[in-house]
Amino acid sequence: MSELETKSLEERFNQRIANDEKIEPKDWMPEKYRKTHIRQISQHAHSEIVGMLPEGNWISRCPTLRRKVALLAKVQDEGGHGLYLYSAAETLGISREEMFDQLHTGEAKYSSIFNYPTLTWADIGTIGWLVDGAAIMNQVALINTSFGPYGRAMIRICKEESFHQRQGFEIIMTLMNGTDEQKAMAQDSLNRFWWPALMMFGPRDADSPNSEQSMLWKLKRKTNDELRQAFVDQTVPQAELIGLTIPDPQLKWNEDRKHYDFGDLNWEEFWQVVHGHGPCNKQRLDARKNAWNNGAWVRDAAMAHAEKNANRELKQAV
């Protein structure tokens, strides 16, 4: 393809983006657009799968049967979200095996929040309330992303994440209506997860190398800092409603901006966790690699069964 033809295709592609048209897998797209989407969608899928681990840690220790059934359903939902997203990424020409290899070798990232431990039952509620709440803040905007398969996958994911967020808030609200020990447990959980939850939106806009291009391609509709601010504005009143204190002495309502002012994040901690040095990075990756290796016989059996059926159908056709 000549340089002139490529330039013409790029101009038409950019015009489609400007017109809010959906880009489908068989449409022409710049190579950088394809690679950027593979990176973001696979990272999102990895986050869903790795995110099952800290919650799965509490399935056998739920305080009631009702809580256990609900948590089992939630963890199953997260696995389903990962499958939707891996399928969306595969339409861009990357195999699932390659995506898993990138996760297992550390080449691909996942949400830093899942590298923190779930020490108490309150953490399960906080993850639902804060972590899924932060995810919804980001993912609702992704419904209108320019890449069709990604946006369509987000419709169901957002509906289920919204239920997860309400479920988590209900757990925390129940604890805040309980004993002093339960209230202290809920506050301690908020203290530990508040700042990591704010880090979920990524680095500051000034330090985000991909945000500008992602905004131009409408892969993202809002910047990291805009999403972080919206999350704080939404979550602070919820905490105050049930008697929790946000662990930020600089938090206050700014009447001029009509937003909450809040303290600066510990960006050194953020980058340490992103680069693999968080409290549970090694544990999470080891769990995923062990699951992949231990499940090899299941994949082999499924492939052998599929091949056997294909051969049977071929013989019948002949």
C-alpha atoms as a PDB file:
ATOM      1  CA  MET A   1       0.000   0.000   0.000  1.00  0.00           C
ATOM      2  CA  SER A   2       1.377   3.378  -1.005  1.00  0.00           C
ATOM      3  CA  GLU A   3       1.944   6.228   1.420  1.00  0.00           C
ATOM      4  CA  LEU A   4      -0.816   8.202  -0.303  1.00  0.00           C
ATOM      5  CA  GLU A   5      -3.311   5.352   0.108  1.00  0.00           C
ATOM      6  CA  THR A   6      -2.387   4.951   3.784  1.00  0.00           C
ATOM      7  CA  LYS A   7      -2.845   8.668   4.376  1.00  0.00           C
ATOM      8  CA  SER A   8      -6.270   8.555   2.711  1.00  0.00           C
ATOM      9  CA  LEU A   9      -7.337   5.629   4.900  1.00  0.00           C
ATOM     10  CA  GLU A  10      -6.132   7.430   8.022  1.00  0.00           C
ATOM     11  CA  GLU A  11      -8.122  10.525   7.099  1.00  0.00           C
ATOM     12  CA  ARG A  12     -11.285   8.463   6.593  1.00  0.00           C
ATOM     13  CA  PHE A  13     -10.640   6.615   9.835  1.00  0.00           C
ATOM     14  CA  ASN A  14     -10.203   9.859  11.797  1.00  0.00           C
ATOM     15  CA  GLN A  15     -13.389  11.221  10.263  1.00  0.00           C
ATOM     16  CA  ARG A  16     -15.303   8.143  11.391  1.00  0.00           C
ATOM     17  CA  ILE A  17     -13.961   8.652  14.927  1.00  0.00           C
ATOM     18  CA  ALA A  18     -15.015  12.314  14.798  1.00  0.00           C
ATOM     19  CA  ASN A  19     -18.495  11.219  13.676  1.00  0.00           C
ATOM     20  CA  ASP A  20     -18.779   8.820  16.648  1.00  0.00           C
ATOM     21  CA  GLU A  21     -18.993   5.810  14.338  1.00  0.00           C
ATOM     22  CA  LYS A  22     -18.075   2.417  15.749  1.00  0.00           C
ATOM     23  CA  ILE A  23     -14.918   0.770  14.452  1.00  0.00           C
ATOM     24  CA  GLU A  24     -15.436  -2.953  13.864  1.00  0.00           C
ATOM     25  CA  PRO A  25     -12.745  -5.675  13.737  1.00  0.00           C
ATOM     26  CA  LYS A  26     -12.742  -6.031   9.930  1.00  0.00           C
ATOM     27  CA  ASP A  27     -12.571  -2.267   9.353  1.00  0.00           C
ATOM     28  CA  TRP A  28      -9.271  -0.673   8.436  1.00  0.00           C
ATOM     29  CA  MET A  29      -7.543   0.853  11.456  1.00  0.00           C
ATOM     30  CA  PRO A  30      -4.063   2.248  12.181  1.00  0.00           C
ATOM     31  CA  GLU A  31      -1.702  -0.323  13.657  1.00  0.00           C
ATOM     32  CA  LYS A  32      -1.190   1.857  16.725  1.00  0.00           C
ATOM     33  CA  TYR A  33      -4.971   1.949  17.299  1.00  0.00           C
ATOM     34  CA  ARG A  34      -5.081  -1.848  17.154  1.00  0.00           C
ATOM     35  CA  LYS A  35      -2.147  -2.280  19.541  1.00  0.00           C
ATOM     36  CA  THR A  36      -3.497   0.330  21.959  1.00  0.00           C
ATOM     37  CA  HIS A  37      -6.809  -1.474  22.163  1.00  0.00           C
ATOM     38  CA  ILE A  38      -5.153  -4.853  22.633  1.00  0.00           C
ATOM     39  CA  ARG A  39      -3.164  -3.377  25.519  1.00  0.00           C
ATOM     40  CA  GLN A  40      -6.152  -1.762  27.221  1.00  0.00           C
ATOM     41  CA  ILE A  41      -8.724  -4.526  26.653  1.00  0.00           C
ATOM     42  CA  SER A  42      -6.345  -7.314  27.678  1.00  0.00           C
ATOM     43  CA  GLN A  43      -5.315  -5.318  30.755  1.00  0.00           C
ATOM     44  CA  HIS A  44      -8.993  -4.929  31.609  1.00  0.00           C
ATOM     45  CA  ALA A  45      -9.562  -8.678  31.122  1.00  0.00           C
ATOM     46  CA  HIS A  46      -6.543  -9.540  33.284  1.00  0.00           C
ATOM     47  CA  SER A  47      -7.916  -7.252  36.014  1.00  0.00           C
ATOM     48  CA  GLU A  48     -11.215  -9.139  36.041  1.00  0.00           C
ATOM     49  CA  ILE A  49      -9.510 -12.531  36.307  1.00  0.00           C
ATOM     50  CA  VAL A  50      -6.897 -11.512  38.887  1.00  0.00           C
ATOM     51  CA  GLY A  51      -9.627  -9.636  40.757  1.00  0.00           C
ATOM     52  CA  MET A  52     -11.306 -12.965  41.514  1.00  0.00           C
ATOM     53  CA  LEU A  53      -8.409 -13.942  43.794  1.00  0.00           C
ATOM     54  CA  PRO A  54      -8.735 -11.540  46.776  1.00  0.00           C
ATOM     55  CA  GLU A  55     -12.488 -12.156  46.946  1.00  0.00           C
ATOM     56  CA  GLY A  56     -12.216 -15.909  46.393  1.00  0.00           C
ATOM     57  CA  ASN A  57     -10.030 -15.890  49.485  1.00  0.00           C
ATOM     58  CA  TRP A  58     -13.196 -15.287  51.574  1.00  0.00           C
ATOM     59  CA  ILE A  59     -15.692 -17.691  49.968  1.00  0.00           C
ATOM     60  CA  SER A  60     -15.104 -20.387  52.588  1.00  0.00           C
ATOM     61  CA  ARG A  61     -15.184 -17.830  55.426  1.00  0.00           C
ATOM     62  CA  CYS A  62     -18.325 -15.813  54.695  1.00  0.00           C
ATOM     63  CA  PRO A  63     -20.303 -15.036  57.871  1.00  0.00           C
ATOM     64  CA  THR A  64     -23.604 -16.439  56.514  1.00  0.00           C
ATOM     65  CA  LEU A  65     -24.836 -18.751  53.768  1.00  0.00           C
ATOM     66  CA  ARG A  66     -26.544 -15.778  52.091  1.00  0.00           C
ATOM     67  CA  ARG A  67     -23.231 -13.923  51.935  1.00  0.00           C
ATOM     68  CA  LYS A  68     -21.477 -17.007  50.555  1.00  0.00           C
ATOM     69  CA  VAL A  69     -24.005 -17.482  47.748  1.00  0.00           C
ATOM     70  CA  ALA A  70     -23.763 -13.808  46.825  1.00  0.00           C
ATOM     71  CA  LEU A  71     -19.950 -13.815  46.840  1.00  0.00           C
ATOM     72  CA  LEU A  72     -19.821 -16.999  44.752  1.00  0.00           C
ATOM     73  CA  ALA A  73     -22.094 -15.347  42.181  1.00  0.00           C
ATOM     74  CA  LYS A  74     -19.975 -12.218  42.156  1.00  0.00           C
ATOM     75  CA  VAL A  75     -16.699 -14.069  41.629  1.00  0.00           C
ATOM     76  CA  GLN A  76     -18.351 -16.022  38.823  1.00  0.00           C
ATOM     77  CA  ASP A  77     -19.473 -12.735  37.256  1.00  0.00           C
ATOM     78  CA  GLU A  78     -15.896 -11.437  37.294  1.00  0.00           C
ATOM     79  CA  GLY A  79     -14.711 -14.554  35.482  1.00  0.00           C
ATOM     80  CA  GLY A  80     -17.399 -14.003  32.870  1.00  0.00           C
ATOM     81  CA  HIS A  81     -16.311 -10.391  32.413  1.00  0.00           C
ATOM     82  CA  GLY A  82     -12.792 -11.576  31.719  1.00  0.00           C
ATOM     83  CA  LEU A  83     -14.067 -13.979  29.047  1.00  0.00           C
ATOM     84  CA  TYR A  84     -16.108 -11.227  27.309  1.00  0.00           C
ATOM     85  CA  LEU A  85     -13.054  -8.991  27.230  1.00  0.00           C
ATOM     86  CA  TYR A  86     -10.585 -11.646  26.074  1.00  0.00           C
ATOM     87  CA  SER A  87     -13.016 -12.417  23.244  1.00  0.00           C
ATOM     88  CA  ALA A  88     -13.182  -8.731  22.309  1.00  0.00           C
ATOM     89  CA  ALA A  89      -9.382  -8.503  22.263  1.00  0.00           C
ATOM     90  CA  GLU A  90      -9.130 -11.638  20.102  1.00  0.00           C
ATOM     91  CA  THR A  91     -11.053  -9.854  17.334  1.00  0.00           C
ATOM     92  CA  LEU A  92      -7.977  -7.624  16.977  1.00  0.00           C
ATOM     93  CA  GLY A  93      -5.752 -10.537  16.007  1.00  0.00           C
ATOM     94  CA  ILE A  94      -4.153 -11.624  19.261  1.00  0.00           C
ATOM     95  CA  SER A  95      -4.652 -15.109  20.697  1.00  0.00           C
ATOM     96  CA  ARG A  96      -5.807 -15.822  24.227  1.00  0.00           C
ATOM     97  CA  GLU A  97      -2.662 -17.866  24.814  1.00  0.00           C
ATOM     98  CA  GLU A  98      -0.538 -14.864  23.896  1.00  0.00           C
ATOM     99  CA  MET A  99      -2.482 -12.618  26.273  1.00  0.00           C
ATOM    100  CA  PHE A 100      -2.062 -15.089  29.127  1.00  0.00           C
ATOM    101  CA  ASP A 101       1.641 -15.368  28.370  1.00  0.00           C
ATOM    102  CA  GLN A 102       1.960 -11.575  28.570  1.00  0.00           C
ATOM    103  CA  LEU A 103       0.209 -11.635  31.958  1.00  0.00           C
ATOM    104  CA  HIS A 104       2.313 -14.475  33.339  1.00  0.00           C
ATOM    105  CA  THR A 105       5.615 -12.913  32.252  1.00  0.00           C
ATOM    106  CA  GLY A 106       4.701  -9.510  33.656  1.00  0.00           C
ATOM    107  CA  GLU A 107       4.654  -7.836  30.232  1.00  0.00           C
ATOM    108  CA  ALA A 108       0.940  -7.046  30.602  1.00  0.00           C
ATOM    109  CA  LYS A 109      -0.443  -5.209  33.624  1.00  0.00           C
ATOM    110  CA  TYR A 110      -3.671  -5.421  35.590  1.00  0.00           C
ATOM    111  CA  SER A 111      -5.346  -3.070  38.060  1.00  0.00           C
ATOM    112  CA  SER A 112      -2.986  -2.279  40.925  1.00  0.00           C
ATOM    113  CA  ILE A 113      -5.798  -2.504  43.508  1.00  0.00           C
ATOM    114  CA  PHE A 114      -5.744  -6.307  43.405  1.00  0.00           C
ATOM    115  CA  ASN A 115      -2.211  -6.391  44.767  1.00  0.00           C
ATOM    116  CA  TYR A 116      -3.512  -5.487  48.223  1.00  0.00           C
ATOM    117  CA  PRO A 117      -4.630  -8.195  50.679  1.00  0.00           C
ATOM    118  CA  THR A 118      -8.171  -8.782  51.956  1.00  0.00           C
ATOM    119  CA  LEU A 119      -7.537  -9.090  55.682  1.00  0.00           C
ATOM    120  CA  THR A 120     -11.092  -8.957  57.056  1.00  0.00           C
ATOM    121  CA  TRP A 121     -14.639  -9.595  55.928  1.00  0.00           C
ATOM    122  CA  ALA A 122     -15.136  -5.821  55.727  1.00  0.00           C
ATOM    123  CA  ASP A 123     -12.598  -5.763  52.873  1.00  0.00           C
ATOM    124  CA  ILE A 124     -15.044  -7.732  50.726  1.00  0.00           C
ATOM    125  CA  GLY A 125     -17.629  -5.013  51.271  1.00  0.00           C
ATOM    126  CA  THR A 126     -15.084  -2.266  50.621  1.00  0.00           C
ATOM    127  CA  ILE A 127     -13.952  -3.894  47.384  1.00  0.00           C
ATOM    128  CA  GLY A 128     -17.535  -3.992  46.181  1.00  0.00           C
ATOM    129  CA  TRP A 129     -18.272  -0.442  47.280  1.00  0.00           C
ATOM    130  CA  LEU A 130     -15.028   1.328  46.336  1.00  0.00           C
ATOM    131  CA  VAL A 131     -13.279  -0.881  43.783  1.00  0.00           C
ATOM    132  CA  ASP A 132     -16.360  -1.797  41.773  1.00  0.00           C
ATOM    133  CA  GLY A 133     -17.603   1.759  42.232  1.00  0.00           C
ATOM    134  CA  ALA A 134     -14.387   3.087  40.709  1.00  0.00           C
ATOM    135  CA  ALA A 135     -14.636   0.510  37.935  1.00  0.00           C
ATOM    136  CA  ILE A 136     -18.172   1.629  37.081  1.00  0.00           C
ATOM    137  CA  MET A 137     -17.021   5.249  36.959  1.00  0.00           C
ATOM    138  CA  ASN A 138     -14.540   4.304  34.251  1.00  0.00           C
ATOM    139  CA  GLN A 139     -16.531   1.624  32.469  1.00  0.00           C
ATOM    140  CA  VAL A 140     -19.792   3.474  31.920  1.00  0.00           C
ATOM    141  CA  ALA A 141     -17.828   5.894  29.748  1.00  0.00           C
ATOM    142  CA  LEU A 142     -16.359   2.922  27.868  1.00  0.00           C
ATOM    143  CA  ILE A 143     -19.810   1.896  26.620  1.00  0.00           C
ATOM    144  CA  ASN A 144     -19.376   4.726  24.104  1.00  0.00           C
ATOM    145  CA  THR A 145     -15.797   3.846  23.200  1.00  0.00           C
ATOM    146  CA  SER A 146     -14.985   3.863  19.496  1.00  0.00           C
ATOM    147  CA  PHE A 147     -14.200   0.134  19.194  1.00  0.00           C
ATOM    148  CA  GLY A 148     -17.496  -1.728  18.782  1.00  0.00           C
ATOM    149  CA  PRO A 149     -16.788  -5.100  20.481  1.00  0.00           C
ATOM    150  CA  TYR A 150     -15.335  -3.374  23.553  1.00  0.00           C
ATOM    151  CA  GLY A 151     -18.263  -1.004  23.946  1.00  0.00           C
ATOM    152  CA  ARG A 152     -20.834  -3.790  23.537  1.00  0.00           C
ATOM    153  CA  ALA A 153     -19.071  -5.982  26.105  1.00  0.00           C
ATOM    154  CA  MET A 154     -19.236  -3.117  28.586  1.00  0.00           C
ATOM    155  CA  ILE A 155     -23.049  -2.944  28.526  1.00  0.00           C
ATOM    156  CA  ARG A 156     -23.532  -6.195  30.422  1.00  0.00           C
ATOM    157  CA  ILE A 157     -20.387  -5.735  32.500  1.00  0.00           C
ATOM    158  CA  CYS A 158     -21.577  -2.344  33.771  1.00  0.00           C
ATOM    159  CA  LYS A 159     -24.981  -3.749  34.751  1.00  0.00           C
ATOM    160  CA  GLU A 160     -23.351  -6.504  36.792  1.00  0.00           C
ATOM    161  CA  GLU A 161     -20.717  -4.219  38.312  1.00  0.00           C
ATOM    162  CA  SER A 162     -23.478  -1.864  39.418  1.00  0.00           C
ATOM    163  CA  PHE A 163     -25.065  -4.740  41.347  1.00  0.00           C
ATOM    164  CA  HIS A 164     -21.656  -5.627  42.841  1.00  0.00           C
ATOM    165  CA  GLN A 165     -21.193  -2.047  44.026  1.00  0.00           C
ATOM    166  CA  ARG A 166     -24.576  -2.010  45.759  1.00  0.00           C
ATOM    167  CA  GLN A 167     -23.859  -5.399  47.295  1.00  0.00           C
ATOM    168  CA  GLY A 168     -20.551  -4.137  48.715  1.00  0.00           C
ATOM    169  CA  PHE A 169     -22.112  -0.972  50.114  1.00  0.00           C
ATOM    170  CA  GLU A 170     -24.816  -3.061  51.782  1.00  0.00           C
ATOM    171  CA  ILE A 171     -22.143  -5.167  53.502  1.00  0.00           C
ATOM    172  CA  ILE A 172     -20.419  -2.054  54.856  1.00  0.00           C
ATOM    173  CA  MET A 173     -23.724  -0.454  55.855  1.00  0.00           C
ATOM    174  CA  THR A 174     -24.654  -3.612  57.783  1.00  0.00           C
ATOM    175  CA  LEU A 175     -21.337  -3.508  59.644  1.00  0.00           C
ATOM    176  CA  MET A 176     -21.861   0.180  60.466  1.00  0.00           C
ATOM    177  CA  ASN A 177     -25.220  -0.755  62.033  1.00  0.00           C
ATOM    178  CA  GLY A 178     -23.554  -3.442  64.138  1.00  0.00           C
ATOM    179  CA  THR A 179     -21.253  -3.577  67.150  1.00  0.00           C
ATOM    180  CA  ASP A 180     -18.416  -1.192  67.886  1.00  0.00           C
ATOM    181  CA  GLU A 181     -16.007  -3.894  66.745  1.00  0.00           C
ATOM    182  CA  GLN A 182     -17.817  -4.234  63.411  1.00  0.00           C
ATOM    183  CA  LYS A 183     -17.840  -0.461  62.925  1.00  0.00           C
ATOM    184  CA  ALA A 184     -14.099  -0.345  63.636  1.00  0.00           C
ATOM    185  CA  MET A 185     -13.549  -3.147  61.124  1.00  0.00           C
ATOM    186  CA  ALA A 186     -15.390  -1.180  58.425  1.00  0.00           C
ATOM    187  CA  GLN A 187     -13.442   2.010  59.177  1.00  0.00           C
ATOM    188  CA  ASP A 188     -10.124   0.136  59.151  1.00  0.00           C
ATOM    189  CA  SER A 189     -10.970  -1.348  55.766  1.00  0.00           C
ATOM    190  CA  LEU A 190     -11.809   2.080  54.343  1.00  0.00           C
ATOM    191  CA  ASN A 191      -8.545   3.456  55.745  1.00  0.00           C
ATOM    192  CA  ARG A 192      -6.546   0.786  53.917  1.00  0.00           C
ATOM    193  CA  PHE A 193      -8.405   0.810  50.586  1.00  0.00           C
ATOM    194  CA  TRP A 194      -9.260   4.498  50.081  1.00  0.00           C
ATOM    195  CA  TRP A 195      -5.984   5.591  48.540  1.00  0.00           C
ATOM    196  CA  PRO A 196      -5.416   2.428  46.467  1.00  0.00           C
ATOM    197  CA  ALA A 197      -8.962   2.899  45.112  1.00  0.00           C
ATOM    198  CA  LEU A 198      -8.077   6.423  43.946  1.00  0.00           C
ATOM    199  CA  MET A 199      -4.972   4.987  42.283  1.00  0.00           C
ATOM    200  CA  MET A 200      -7.192   2.740  40.146  1.00  0.00           C
ATOM    201  CA  PHE A 201      -7.756   5.627  37.749  1.00  0.00           C
ATOM    202  CA  GLY A 202      -4.104   5.594  36.790  1.00  0.00           C
ATOM    203  CA  PRO A 203      -1.380   8.225  36.966  1.00  0.00           C
ATOM    204  CA  ARG A 204      -2.006  11.962  36.883  1.00  0.00           C
ATOM    205  CA  ASP A 205      -2.923  13.213  33.428  1.00  0.00           C
ATOM    206  CA  ALA A 206       0.461  14.934  33.149  1.00  0.00           C
ATOM    207  CA  ASP A 207       2.203  11.598  33.773  1.00  0.00           C
ATOM    208  CA  SER A 208      -0.026   9.397  31.612  1.00  0.00           C
ATOM    209  CA  PRO A 209       1.704   8.628  28.294  1.00  0.00           C
ATOM    210  CA  ASN A 210      -1.368   7.122  26.612  1.00  0.00           C
ATOM    211  CA  SER A 211      -4.221   9.378  27.721  1.00  0.00           C
ATOM    212  CA  GLU A 212      -3.947  12.047  25.034  1.00  0.00           C
ATOM    213  CA  GLN A 213      -4.045   9.607  22.127  1.00  0.00           C
ATOM    214  CA  SER A 214      -6.759   7.524  23.791  1.00  0.00           C
ATOM    215  CA  MET A 215      -8.908  10.639  24.128  1.00  0.00           C
ATOM    216  CA  LEU A 216      -8.404  11.518  20.465  1.00  0.00           C
ATOM    217  CA  TRP A 217      -9.443   8.024  19.395  1.00  0.00           C
ATOM    218  CA  LYS A 218     -12.353   8.114  21.862  1.00  0.00           C
ATOM    219  CA  LEU A 219     -11.074   4.991  23.531  1.00  0.00           C
ATOM    220  CA  LYS A 220     -11.438   7.095  26.675  1.00  0.00           C
ATOM    221  CA  ARG A 221     -14.081   9.766  27.109  1.00  0.00           C
ATOM    222  CA  LYS A 222     -12.729  11.284  30.323  1.00  0.00           C
ATOM    223  CA  THR A 223      -9.189  11.732  31.628  1.00  0.00           C
ATOM    224  CA  ASN A 224      -7.774   9.927  34.660  1.00  0.00           C
ATOM    225  CA  ASP A 225      -8.011  13.034  36.835  1.00  0.00           C
ATOM    226  CA  GLU A 226     -11.585  13.798  35.741  1.00  0.00           C
ATOM    227  CA  LEU A 227     -12.688  10.263  36.622  1.00  0.00           C
ATOM    228  CA  ARG A 228     -10.849  10.374  39.964  1.00  0.00           C
ATOM    229  CA  GLN A 229     -12.567  13.656  40.869  1.00  0.00           C
ATOM    230  CA  ALA A 230     -15.991  12.288  39.926  1.00  0.00           C
ATOM    231  CA  PHE A 231     -15.372   9.217  42.093  1.00  0.00           C
ATOM    232  CA  VAL A 232     -14.434  11.314  45.124  1.00  0.00           C
ATOM    233  CA  ASP A 233     -17.469  13.560  44.651  1.00  0.00           C
ATOM    234  CA  GLN A 234     -19.761  10.527  44.490  1.00  0.00           C
ATOM    235  CA  THR A 235     -18.225   8.467  47.295  1.00  0.00           C
ATOM    236  CA  VAL A 236     -17.678  11.014  50.081  1.00  0.00           C
ATOM    237  CA  PRO A 237     -21.425  11.600  50.698  1.00  0.00           C
ATOM    238  CA  GLN A 238     -21.970   7.821  50.754  1.00  0.00           C
ATOM    239  CA  ALA A 239     -19.329   7.431  53.471  1.00  0.00           C
ATOM    240  CA  GLU A 240     -20.777  10.299  55.501  1.00  0.00           C
ATOM    241  CA  LEU A 241     -24.280   8.802  55.201  1.00  0.00           C
ATOM    242  CA  ILE A 242     -23.304   5.641  57.094  1.00  0.00           C
ATOM    243  CA  GLY A 243     -20.908   7.284  59.543  1.00  0.00           C
ATOM    244  CA  LEU A 244     -17.516   6.523  58.010  1.00  0.00           C
ATOM    245  CA  THR A 245     -14.632   8.999  57.915  1.00  0.00           C
ATOM    246  CA  ILE A 246     -12.580   9.374  54.743  1.00  0.00           C
ATOM    247  CA  PRO A 247      -8.893   9.041  55.771  1.00  0.00           C
ATOM    248  CA  ASP A 248      -7.829  12.317  54.180  1.00  0.00           C
ATOM    249  CA  PRO A 249      -7.264  15.377  56.428  1.00  0.00           C
ATOM    250  CA  GLN A 250      -7.165  17.623  53.346  1.00  0.00           C
ATOM    251  CA  LEU A 251     -10.601  16.554  52.132  1.00  0.00           C
ATOM    252  CA  LYS A 252     -13.077  19.448  51.994  1.00  0.00           C
ATOM    253  CA  TRP A 253     -15.844  20.782  49.784  1.00  0.00           C
ATOM    254  CA  ASN A 254     -14.764  23.571  47.434  1.00  0.00           C
ATOM    255  CA  GLU A 255     -17.772  25.805  46.882  1.00  0.00           C
ATOM    256  CA  ASP A 256     -16.110  27.662  44.013  1.00  0.00           C
ATOM    257  CA  ARG A 257     -15.270  24.502  42.060  1.00  0.00           C
ATOM    258  CA  LYS A 258     -18.367  22.596  43.224  1.00  0.00           C
ATOM    259  CA  HIS A 259     -16.080  19.627  43.854  1.00  0.00           C
ATOM    260  CA  TYR A 260     -14.215  18.124  46.775  1.00  0.00           C
ATOM    261  CA  ASP A 261     -10.565  19.041  47.223  1.00  0.00           C
ATOM    262  CA  PHE A 262      -8.498  16.068  48.363  1.00  0.00           C
ATOM    263  CA  GLY A 263      -4.926  15.246  49.249  1.00  0.00           C
ATOM    264  CA  ASP A 264      -2.217  14.132  46.862  1.00  0.00           C
ATOM    265  CA  LEU A 265      -1.771  10.418  46.321  1.00  0.00           C
ATOM    266  CA  ASN A 266       1.395   8.514  47.216  1.00  0.00           C
ATOM    267  CA  TRP A 267       2.631   8.171  43.652  1.00  0.00           C
ATOM    268  CA  GLU A 268       5.801   6.414  44.748  1.00  0.00           C
ATOM    269  CA  GLU A 269       3.646   3.610  46.172  1.00  0.00           C
ATOM    270  CA  PHE A 270       1.536   3.586  43.005  1.00  0.00           C
ATOM    271  CA  TRP A 271       4.530   3.055  40.718  1.00  0.00           C
ATOM    272  CA  GLN A 272       6.053   0.460  43.041  1.00  0.00           C
ATOM    273  CA  VAL A 273       2.876  -1.625  42.852  1.00  0.00           C
ATOM    274  CA  VAL A 274       2.569  -1.132  39.073  1.00  0.00           C
ATOM    275  CA  HIS A 275       6.149  -2.332  38.623  1.00  0.00           C
ATOM    276  CA  GLY A 276       5.494  -5.506  40.591  1.00  0.00           C
ATOM    277  CA  HIS A 277       6.571  -4.596  44.124  1.00  0.00           C
ATOM    278  CA  GLY A 278       3.200  -4.404  45.904  1.00  0.00           C
ATOM    279  CA  PRO A 279       2.116  -6.471  48.912  1.00  0.00           C
ATOM    280  CA  CYS A 280       0.591  -9.285  46.821  1.00  0.00           C
ATOM    281  CA  ASN A 281       2.018  -8.951  43.278  1.00  0.00           C
ATOM    282  CA  LYS A 282       4.016 -12.173  43.430  1.00  0.00           C
ATOM    283  CA  GLN A 283       1.206 -14.075  45.138  1.00  0.00           C
ATOM    284  CA  ARG A 284      -1.342 -13.011  42.502  1.00  0.00           C
ATOM    285  CA  LEU A 285       0.869 -13.926  39.536  1.00  0.00           C
ATOM    286  CA  ASP A 286       1.887 -17.235  41.093  1.00  0.00           C
ATOM    287  CA  ALA A 287      -1.785 -18.107  41.582  1.00  0.00           C
ATOM    288  CA  ARG A 288      -2.586 -17.307  37.955  1.00  0.00           C
ATOM    289  CA  LYS A 289       0.406 -19.247  36.609  1.00  0.00           C
ATOM    290  CA  ASN A 290      -0.426 -22.256  38.793  1.00  0.00           C
ATOM    291  CA  ALA A 291      -4.038 -22.200  37.608  1.00  0.00           C
ATOM    292  CA  TRP A 292      -2.867 -22.106  33.986  1.00  0.00           C
ATOM    293  CA  ASN A 293      -0.399 -24.957  34.441  1.00  0.00           C
ATOM    294  CA  ASN A 294      -2.733 -27.106  36.529  1.00  0.00           C
ATOM    295  CA  GLY A 295      -5.524 -26.630  34.007  1.00  0.00           C
ATOM    296  CA  ALA A 296      -3.460 -27.786  31.016  1.00  0.00           C
ATOM    297  CA  TRP A 297      -5.041 -31.263  31.081  1.00  0.00           C
ATOM    298  CA  VAL A 298      -8.530 -29.733  30.884  1.00  0.00           C
ATOM    299  CA  ARG A 299      -7.588 -27.676  27.816  1.00  0.00           C
ATOM    300  CA  ASP A 300      -5.939 -30.696  26.197  1.00  0.00           C
ATOM    301  CA  ALA A 301      -8.988 -32.864  26.875  1.00  0.00           C
ATOM    302  CA  ALA A 302     -11.353 -30.238  25.466  1.00  0.00           C
ATOM    303  CA  MET A 303      -9.260 -29.904  22.304  1.00  0.00           C
ATOM    304  CA  ALA A 304      -9.073 -33.698  21.866  1.00  0.00           C
ATOM    305  CA  HIS A 305     -12.854 -33.964  22.313  1.00  0.00           C
ATOM    306  CA  ALA A 306     -13.459 -31.191  19.770  1.00  0.00           C
ATOM    307  CA  GLU A 307     -11.110 -32.862  17.277  1.00  0.00           C
ATOM    308  CA  LYS A 308     -12.835 -36.225  17.784  1.00  0.00           C
ATOM    309  CA  ASN A 309     -16.251 -34.677  17.093  1.00  0.00           C
ATOM    310  CA  ALA A 310     -14.937 -32.855  14.035  1.00  0.00           C
ATOM    311  CA  ASN A 311     -13.520 -36.097  12.607  1.00  0.00           C
ATOM    312  CA  ARG A 312     -16.805 -37.900  13.294  1.00  0.00           C
ATOM    313  CA  GLU A 313     -18.786 -35.212  11.486  1.00  0.00           C
ATOM    314  CA  LEU A 314     -16.354 -35.335   8.567  1.00  0.00           C
ATOM    315  CA  LYS A 315     -16.751 -39.107   8.214  1.00  0.00           C
ATOM    316  CA  GLN A 316     -20.536 -38.798   8.333  1.00  0.00           C
ATOM    317  CA  ALA A 317     -20.430 -36.144   5.641  1.00  0.00           C
ATOM    318  CA  VAL A 318     -18.346 -38.386   3.392  1.00  0.00           C
END
